Amino acid sequence: MENDKYAELKAEVQEIIDLIAAKNAKEANNKLVDVSEQLDDLLDTSDEDEDLVEISKYQVLLNQLYQKIVALDGQA
């Protein structure tokens, strides 16, 4: 079950990356907000150190992707 959560997150983060590559900043940002909410829910319900480390990795990645989206939106 745990791996399923992270596999789903990984797939959704890949969707964000694909949307950025397609220069679709609006859809990428919408997807990023959805994934951020999922991470917040996971953070609220997790107490295992391994989960917290994995969640923090995704948070850092989402922050970097957000910066890319902002830069992309500025170019449009």
PDB file of N, CA and C in Angstrom:
ATOM      1  N   MET A   1       0.827  -1.199   0.000  1.00  0.00           N
ATOM      2  CA  MET A   1       0.000   0.000   0.000  1.00  0.00           C
ATOM      3  C   MET A   1       0.864   1.252   0.000  1.00  0.00           C
ATOM      4  N   GLU A   2       1.889   1.255   0.830  1.00  0.00           N
ATOM      5  CA  GLU A   2       2.766   2.424   0.909  1.00  0.00           C
ATOM      6  C   GLU A   2       3.389   2.719  -0.446  1.00  0.00           C
ATOM      7  N   ASN A   3       3.882   1.687  -1.117  1.00  0.00           N
ATOM      8  CA  ASN A   3       4.516   1.894  -2.412  1.00  0.00           C
ATOM      9  C   ASN A   3       3.519   2.390  -3.449  1.00  0.00           C
ATOM     10  N   ASP A   4       2.253   1.984  -3.306  1.00  0.00           N
ATOM     11  CA  ASP A   4       1.222   2.450  -4.230  1.00  0.00           C
ATOM     12  C   ASP A   4       1.050   3.956  -4.142  1.00  0.00           C
ATOM     13  N   LYS A   5       1.073   4.492  -2.922  1.00  0.00           N
ATOM     14  CA  LYS A   5       0.928   5.935  -2.742  1.00  0.00           C
ATOM     15  C   LYS A   5       2.054   6.673  -3.457  1.00  0.00           C
ATOM     16  N   TYR A   6       3.256   6.188  -3.286  1.00  0.00           N
ATOM     17  CA  TYR A   6       4.398   6.866  -3.881  1.00  0.00           C
ATOM     18  C   TYR A   6       4.472   6.630  -5.384  1.00  0.00           C
ATOM     19  N   ALA A   7       4.013   5.481  -5.842  1.00  0.00           N
ATOM     20  CA  ALA A   7       3.978   5.230  -7.286  1.00  0.00           C
ATOM     21  C   ALA A   7       2.981   6.181  -7.942  1.00  0.00           C
ATOM     22  N   GLU A   8       1.848   6.393  -7.285  1.00  0.00           N
ATOM     23  CA  GLU A   8       0.846   7.327  -7.810  1.00  0.00           C
ATOM     24  C   GLU A   8       1.401   8.754  -7.809  1.00  0.00           C
ATOM     25  N   LEU A   9       2.061   9.139  -6.732  1.00  0.00           N
ATOM     26  CA  LEU A   9       2.670  10.470  -6.667  1.00  0.00           C
ATOM     27  C   LEU A   9       3.703  10.654  -7.773  1.00  0.00           C
ATOM     28  N   LYS A  10       4.524   9.626  -7.963  1.00  0.00           N
ATOM     29  CA  LYS A  10       5.566   9.698  -8.996  1.00  0.00           C
ATOM     30  C   LYS A  10       4.936   9.900 -10.368  1.00  0.00           C
ATOM     31  N   ALA A  11       3.856   9.186 -10.650  1.00  0.00           N
ATOM     32  CA  ALA A  11       3.174   9.317 -11.938  1.00  0.00           C
ATOM     33  C   ALA A  11       2.579  10.719 -12.101  1.00  0.00           C
ATOM     34  N   GLU A  12       2.017  11.250 -11.028  1.00  0.00           N
ATOM     35  CA  GLU A  12       1.423  12.577 -11.109  1.00  0.00           C
ATOM     36  C   GLU A  12       2.483  13.662 -11.254  1.00  0.00           C
ATOM     37  N   VAL A  13       3.620  13.493 -10.597  1.00  0.00           N
ATOM     38  CA  VAL A  13       4.725  14.443 -10.764  1.00  0.00           C
ATOM     39  C   VAL A  13       5.235  14.381 -12.201  1.00  0.00           C
ATOM     40  N   GLN A  14       5.272  13.188 -12.776  1.00  0.00           N
ATOM     41  CA  GLN A  14       5.686  13.061 -14.173  1.00  0.00           C
ATOM     42  C   GLN A  14       4.717  13.799 -15.091  1.00  0.00           C
ATOM     43  N   GLU A  15       3.420  13.753 -14.764  1.00  0.00           N
ATOM     44  CA  GLU A  15       2.438  14.509 -15.551  1.00  0.00           C
ATOM     45  C   GLU A  15       2.744  16.003 -15.504  1.00  0.00           C
ATOM     46  N   ILE A  16       3.114  16.501 -14.330  1.00  0.00           N
ATOM     47  CA  ILE A  16       3.470  17.920 -14.189  1.00  0.00           C
ATOM     48  C   ILE A  16       4.668  18.240 -15.078  1.00  0.00           C
ATOM     49  N   ILE A  17       5.672  17.386 -15.040  1.00  0.00           N
ATOM     50  CA  ILE A  17       6.878  17.592 -15.851  1.00  0.00           C
ATOM     51  C   ILE A  17       6.513  17.588 -17.334  1.00  0.00           C
ATOM     52  N   ASP A  18       5.642  16.670 -17.742  1.00  0.00           N
ATOM     53  CA  ASP A  18       5.221  16.602 -19.142  1.00  0.00           C
ATOM     54  C   ASP A  18       4.468  17.870 -19.549  1.00  0.00           C
ATOM     55  N   LEU A  19       3.625  18.378 -18.645  1.00  0.00           N
ATOM     56  CA  LEU A  19       2.883  19.612 -18.944  1.00  0.00           C
ATOM     57  C   LEU A  19       3.822  20.801 -19.064  1.00  0.00           C
ATOM     58  N   ILE A  20       4.849  20.843 -18.227  1.00  0.00           N
ATOM     59  CA  ILE A  20       5.851  21.917 -18.330  1.00  0.00           C
ATOM     60  C   ILE A  20       6.578  21.818 -19.673  1.00  0.00           C
ATOM     61  N   ALA A  21       6.944  20.597 -20.049  1.00  0.00           N
ATOM     62  CA  ALA A  21       7.638  20.394 -21.322  1.00  0.00           C
ATOM     63  C   ALA A  21       6.759  20.815 -22.498  1.00  0.00           C
ATOM     64  N   ALA A  22       5.448  20.642 -22.344  1.00  0.00           N
ATOM     65  CA  ALA A  22       4.506  21.040 -23.395  1.00  0.00           C
ATOM     66  C   ALA A  22       4.162  22.524 -23.305  1.00  0.00           C
ATOM     67  N   LYS A  23       4.795  23.211 -22.363  1.00  0.00           N
ATOM     68  CA  LYS A  23       4.585  24.653 -22.145  1.00  0.00           C
ATOM     69  C   LYS A  23       3.138  24.984 -21.798  1.00  0.00           C
ATOM     70  N   ASN A  24       2.518  24.097 -21.023  1.00  0.00           N
ATOM     71  CA  ASN A  24       1.144  24.291 -20.567  1.00  0.00           C
ATOM     72  C   ASN A  24       1.191  24.656 -19.076  1.00  0.00           C
ATOM     73  N   ALA A  25       1.527  25.908 -18.801  1.00  0.00           N
ATOM     74  CA  ALA A  25       1.756  26.352 -17.425  1.00  0.00           C
ATOM     75  C   ALA A  25       0.500  26.271 -16.572  1.00  0.00           C
ATOM     76  N   LYS A  26      -0.644  26.610 -17.138  1.00  0.00           N
ATOM     77  CA  LYS A  26      -1.886  26.618 -16.353  1.00  0.00           C
ATOM     78  C   LYS A  26      -2.235  25.220 -15.865  1.00  0.00           C
ATOM     79  N   GLU A  27      -2.239  24.250 -16.772  1.00  0.00           N
ATOM     80  CA  GLU A  27      -2.561  22.874 -16.389  1.00  0.00           C
ATOM     81  C   GLU A  27      -1.500  22.302 -15.437  1.00  0.00           C
ATOM     82  N   ALA A  28      -0.238  22.638 -15.689  1.00  0.00           N
ATOM     83  CA  ALA A  28       0.839  22.170 -14.811  1.00  0.00           C
ATOM     84  C   ALA A  28       0.642  22.708 -13.401  1.00  0.00           C
ATOM     85  N   ASN A  29       0.271  23.979 -13.299  1.00  0.00           N
ATOM     86  CA  ASN A  29       0.055  24.575 -11.987  1.00  0.00           C
ATOM     87  C   ASN A  29      -1.145  23.939 -11.293  1.00  0.00           C
ATOM     88  N   ASN A  30      -2.220  23.695 -12.037  1.00  0.00           N
ATOM     89  CA  ASN A  30      -3.394  23.041 -11.443  1.00  0.00           C
ATOM     90  C   ASN A  30      -3.039  21.654 -10.908  1.00  0.00           C
ATOM     91  N   LYS A  31      -2.282  20.903 -11.679  1.00  0.00           N
ATOM     92  CA  LYS A  31      -1.874  19.555 -11.266  1.00  0.00           C
ATOM     93  C   LYS A  31      -0.951  19.638 -10.050  1.00  0.00           C
ATOM     94  N   LEU A  32      -0.072  20.632 -10.041  1.00  0.00           N
ATOM     95  CA  LEU A  32       0.847  20.809  -8.919  1.00  0.00           C
ATOM     96  C   LEU A  32       0.073  21.093  -7.627  1.00  0.00           C
ATOM     97  N   VAL A  33      -0.974  21.887  -7.714  1.00  0.00           N
ATOM     98  CA  VAL A  33      -1.795  22.177  -6.532  1.00  0.00           C
ATOM     99  C   VAL A  33      -2.448  20.898  -6.023  1.00  0.00           C
ATOM    100  N   ASP A  34      -2.970  20.078  -6.930  1.00  0.00           N
ATOM    101  CA  ASP A  34      -3.586  18.808  -6.531  1.00  0.00           C
ATOM    102  C   ASP A  34      -2.590  17.900  -5.817  1.00  0.00           C
ATOM    103  N   VAL A  35      -1.404  17.774  -6.392  1.00  0.00           N
ATOM    104  CA  VAL A  35      -0.383  16.902  -5.805  1.00  0.00           C
ATOM    105  C   VAL A  35       0.082  17.461  -4.458  1.00  0.00           C
ATOM    106  N   SER A  36       0.181  18.778  -4.353  1.00  0.00           N
ATOM    107  CA  SER A  36       0.573  19.393  -3.084  1.00  0.00           C
ATOM    108  C   SER A  36      -0.434  19.081  -1.986  1.00  0.00           C
ATOM    109  N   GLU A  37      -1.714  19.106  -2.338  1.00  0.00           N
ATOM    110  CA  GLU A  37      -2.754  18.767  -1.366  1.00  0.00           C
ATOM    111  C   GLU A  37      -2.650  17.305  -0.938  1.00  0.00           C
ATOM    112  N   GLN A  38      -2.354  16.428  -1.884  1.00  0.00           N
ATOM    113  CA  GLN A  38      -2.165  15.017  -1.546  1.00  0.00           C
ATOM    114  C   GLN A  38      -0.989  14.842  -0.592  1.00  0.00           C
ATOM    115  N   LEU A  39       0.101  15.562  -0.862  1.00  0.00           N
ATOM    116  CA  LEU A  39       1.270  15.486   0.022  1.00  0.00           C
ATOM    117  C   LEU A  39       0.935  15.997   1.417  1.00  0.00           C
ATOM    118  N   ASP A  40       0.162  17.072   1.494  1.00  0.00           N
ATOM    119  CA  ASP A  40      -0.241  17.600   2.803  1.00  0.00           C
ATOM    120  C   ASP A  40      -1.055  16.570   3.573  1.00  0.00           C
ATOM    121  N   ASP A  41      -1.963  15.883   2.881  1.00  0.00           N
ATOM    122  CA  ASP A  41      -2.755  14.836   3.529  1.00  0.00           C
ATOM    123  C   ASP A  41      -1.863  13.710   4.029  1.00  0.00           C
ATOM    124  N   LEU A  42      -0.904  13.304   3.204  1.00  0.00           N
ATOM    125  CA  LEU A  42       0.029  12.256   3.615  1.00  0.00           C
ATOM    126  C   LEU A  42       0.850  12.700   4.823  1.00  0.00           C
ATOM    127  N   LEU A  43       1.270  13.940   4.802  1.00  0.00           N
ATOM    128  CA  LEU A  43       2.072  14.477   5.902  1.00  0.00           C
ATOM    129  C   LEU A  43       1.271  14.473   7.194  1.00  0.00           C
ATOM    130  N   ASP A  44      -0.006  14.802   7.105  1.00  0.00           N
ATOM    131  CA  ASP A  44      -0.865  14.837   8.288  1.00  0.00           C
ATOM    132  C   ASP A  44      -1.086  13.454   8.886  1.00  0.00           C
ATOM    133  N   THR A  45      -1.042  12.417   8.048  1.00  0.00           N
ATOM    134  CA  THR A  45      -1.363  11.072   8.531  1.00  0.00           C
ATOM    135  C   THR A  45      -0.133  10.188   8.727  1.00  0.00           C
ATOM    136  N   SER A  46       1.043  10.684   8.404  1.00  0.00           N
ATOM    137  CA  SER A  46       2.260   9.866   8.493  1.00  0.00           C
ATOM    138  C   SER A  46       3.025  10.181   9.766  1.00  0.00           C
ATOM    139  N   ASP A  47       3.561   9.126  10.362  1.00  0.00           N
ATOM    140  CA  ASP A  47       4.409   9.331  11.525  1.00  0.00           C
ATOM    141  C   ASP A  47       5.703   8.518  11.442  1.00  0.00           C
ATOM    142  N   GLU A  48       5.850   7.767  10.376  1.00  0.00           N
ATOM    143  CA  GLU A  48       7.067   6.991  10.171  1.00  0.00           C
ATOM    144  C   GLU A  48       8.139   7.896   9.566  1.00  0.00           C
ATOM    145  N   ASP A  49       9.357   7.762  10.062  1.00  0.00           N
ATOM    146  CA  ASP A  49      10.458   8.588   9.559  1.00  0.00           C
ATOM    147  C   ASP A  49      10.681   8.400   8.064  1.00  0.00           C
ATOM    148  N   GLU A  50      10.557   7.155   7.580  1.00  0.00           N
ATOM    149  CA  GLU A  50      10.771   6.891   6.162  1.00  0.00           C
ATOM    150  C   GLU A  50       9.747   7.644   5.310  1.00  0.00           C
ATOM    151  N   ASP A  51       8.495   7.659   5.774  1.00  0.00           N
ATOM    152  CA  ASP A  51       7.452   8.383   5.044  1.00  0.00           C
ATOM    153  C   ASP A  51       7.734   9.878   5.036  1.00  0.00           C
ATOM    154  N   LEU A  52       8.146  10.404   6.166  1.00  0.00           N
ATOM    155  CA  LEU A  52       8.412  11.839   6.259  1.00  0.00           C
ATOM    156  C   LEU A  52       9.565  12.248   5.344  1.00  0.00           C
ATOM    157  N   VAL A  53      10.575  11.408   5.249  1.00  0.00           N
ATOM    158  CA  VAL A  53      11.706  11.689   4.351  1.00  0.00           C
ATOM    159  C   VAL A  53      11.239  11.669   2.904  1.00  0.00           C
ATOM    160  N   GLU A  54      10.448  10.671   2.549  1.00  0.00           N
ATOM    161  CA  GLU A  54       9.951  10.563   1.172  1.00  0.00           C
ATOM    162  C   GLU A  54       9.051  11.753   0.824  1.00  0.00           C
ATOM    163  N   ILE A  55       8.194  12.134   1.739  1.00  0.00           N
ATOM    164  CA  ILE A  55       7.300  13.274   1.516  1.00  0.00           C
ATOM    165  C   ILE A  55       8.111  14.555   1.338  1.00  0.00           C
ATOM    166  N   SER A  56       9.142  14.721   2.156  1.00  0.00           N
ATOM    167  CA  SER A  56       9.950  15.941   2.040  1.00  0.00           C
ATOM    168  C   SER A  56      10.668  16.003   0.694  1.00  0.00           C
ATOM    169  N   LYS A  57      11.072  14.866   0.149  1.00  0.00           N
ATOM    170  CA  LYS A  57      11.699  14.842  -1.175  1.00  0.00           C
ATOM    171  C   LYS A  57      10.716  15.349  -2.229  1.00  0.00           C
ATOM    172  N   TYR A  58       9.477  14.891  -2.134  1.00  0.00           N
ATOM    173  CA  TYR A  58       8.463  15.344  -3.084  1.00  0.00           C
ATOM    174  C   TYR A  58       8.152  16.824  -2.908  1.00  0.00           C
ATOM    175  N   GLN A  59       8.169  17.315  -1.676  1.00  0.00           N
ATOM    176  CA  GLN A  59       7.919  18.737  -1.439  1.00  0.00           C
ATOM    177  C   GLN A  59       8.994  19.598  -2.090  1.00  0.00           C
ATOM    178  N   VAL A  60      10.237  19.182  -1.963  1.00  0.00           N
ATOM    179  CA  VAL A  60      11.342  19.916  -2.585  1.00  0.00           C
ATOM    180  C   VAL A  60      11.193  19.896  -4.106  1.00  0.00           C
ATOM    181  N   LEU A  61      10.873  18.735  -4.645  1.00  0.00           N
ATOM    182  CA  LEU A  61      10.685  18.614  -6.087  1.00  0.00           C
ATOM    183  C   LEU A  61       9.542  19.497  -6.571  1.00  0.00           C
ATOM    184  N   LEU A  62       8.437  19.513  -5.844  1.00  0.00           N
ATOM    185  CA  LEU A  62       7.306  20.351  -6.243  1.00  0.00           C
ATOM    186  C   LEU A  62       7.661  21.829  -6.187  1.00  0.00           C
ATOM    187  N   ASN A  63       8.455  22.223  -5.212  1.00  0.00           N
ATOM    188  CA  ASN A  63       8.899  23.614  -5.147  1.00  0.00           C
ATOM    189  C   ASN A  63       9.733  23.980  -6.373  1.00  0.00           C
ATOM    190  N   GLN A  64      10.611  23.079  -6.787  1.00  0.00           N
ATOM    191  CA  GLN A  64      11.428  23.327  -7.972  1.00  0.00           C
ATOM    192  C   GLN A  64      10.565  23.380  -9.235  1.00  0.00           C
ATOM    193  N   LEU A  65       9.584  22.487  -9.311  1.00  0.00           N
ATOM    194  CA  LEU A  65       8.688  22.491 -10.467  1.00  0.00           C
ATOM    195  C   LEU A  65       7.845  23.760 -10.489  1.00  0.00           C
ATOM    196  N   TYR A  66       7.442  24.232  -9.323  1.00  0.00           N
ATOM    197  CA  TYR A  66       6.678  25.481  -9.255  1.00  0.00           C
ATOM    198  C   TYR A  66       7.500  26.639  -9.813  1.00  0.00           C
ATOM    199  N   GLN A  67       8.779  26.676  -9.473  1.00  0.00           N
ATOM    200  CA  GLN A  67       9.649  27.731 -10.002  1.00  0.00           C
ATOM    201  C   GLN A  67       9.740  27.645 -11.523  1.00  0.00           C
ATOM    202  N   LYS A  68       9.777  26.438 -12.056  1.00  0.00           N
ATOM    203  CA  LYS A  68       9.812  26.257 -13.514  1.00  0.00           C
ATOM    204  C   LYS A  68       8.511  26.746 -14.137  1.00  0.00           C
ATOM    205  N   ILE A  69       7.380  26.462 -13.486  1.00  0.00           N
ATOM    206  CA  ILE A  69       6.082  26.889 -13.995  1.00  0.00           C
ATOM    207  C   ILE A  69       6.007  28.411 -14.009  1.00  0.00           C
ATOM    208  N   VAL A  70       6.454  29.053 -12.947  1.00  0.00           N
ATOM    209  CA  VAL A  70       6.447  30.521 -12.873  1.00  0.00           C
ATOM    210  C   VAL A  70       7.313  31.097 -13.986  1.00  0.00           C
ATOM    211  N   ALA A  71       8.479  30.517 -14.203  1.00  0.00           N
ATOM    212  CA  ALA A  71       9.368  30.992 -15.264  1.00  0.00           C
ATOM    213  C   ALA A  71       8.724  30.775 -16.637  1.00  0.00           C
ATOM    214  N   LEU A  72       8.072  29.647 -16.809  1.00  0.00           N
ATOM    215  CA  LEU A  72       7.406  29.344 -18.064  1.00  0.00           C
ATOM    216  C   LEU A  72       6.248  30.315 -18.302  1.00  0.00           C
ATOM    217  N   ASP A  73       5.512  30.593 -17.273  1.00  0.00           N
ATOM    218  CA  ASP A  73       4.372  31.510 -17.383  1.00  0.00           C
ATOM    219  C   ASP A  73       4.857  32.914 -17.731  1.00  0.00           C
ATOM    220  N   GLY A  74       6.019  33.289 -17.244  1.00  0.00           N
ATOM    221  CA  GLY A  74       6.584  34.584 -17.560  1.00  0.00           C
ATOM    222  C   GLY A  74       7.020  34.707 -19.013  1.00  0.00           C
ATOM    223  N   GLN A  75       7.367  33.579 -19.612  1.00  0.00           N
ATOM    224  CA  GLN A  75       7.804  33.584 -21.007  1.00  0.00           C
ATOM    225  C   GLN A  75       6.633  33.639 -21.978  1.00  0.00           C
ATOM    226  N   ALA A  76       5.475  33.210 -21.521  1.00  0.00           N
ATOM    227  CA  ALA A  76       4.305  33.117 -22.418  1.00  0.00           C
ATOM    228  C   ALA A  76       3.809  34.478 -22.848  1.00  0.00           C
TER     229      ALA A  76
END
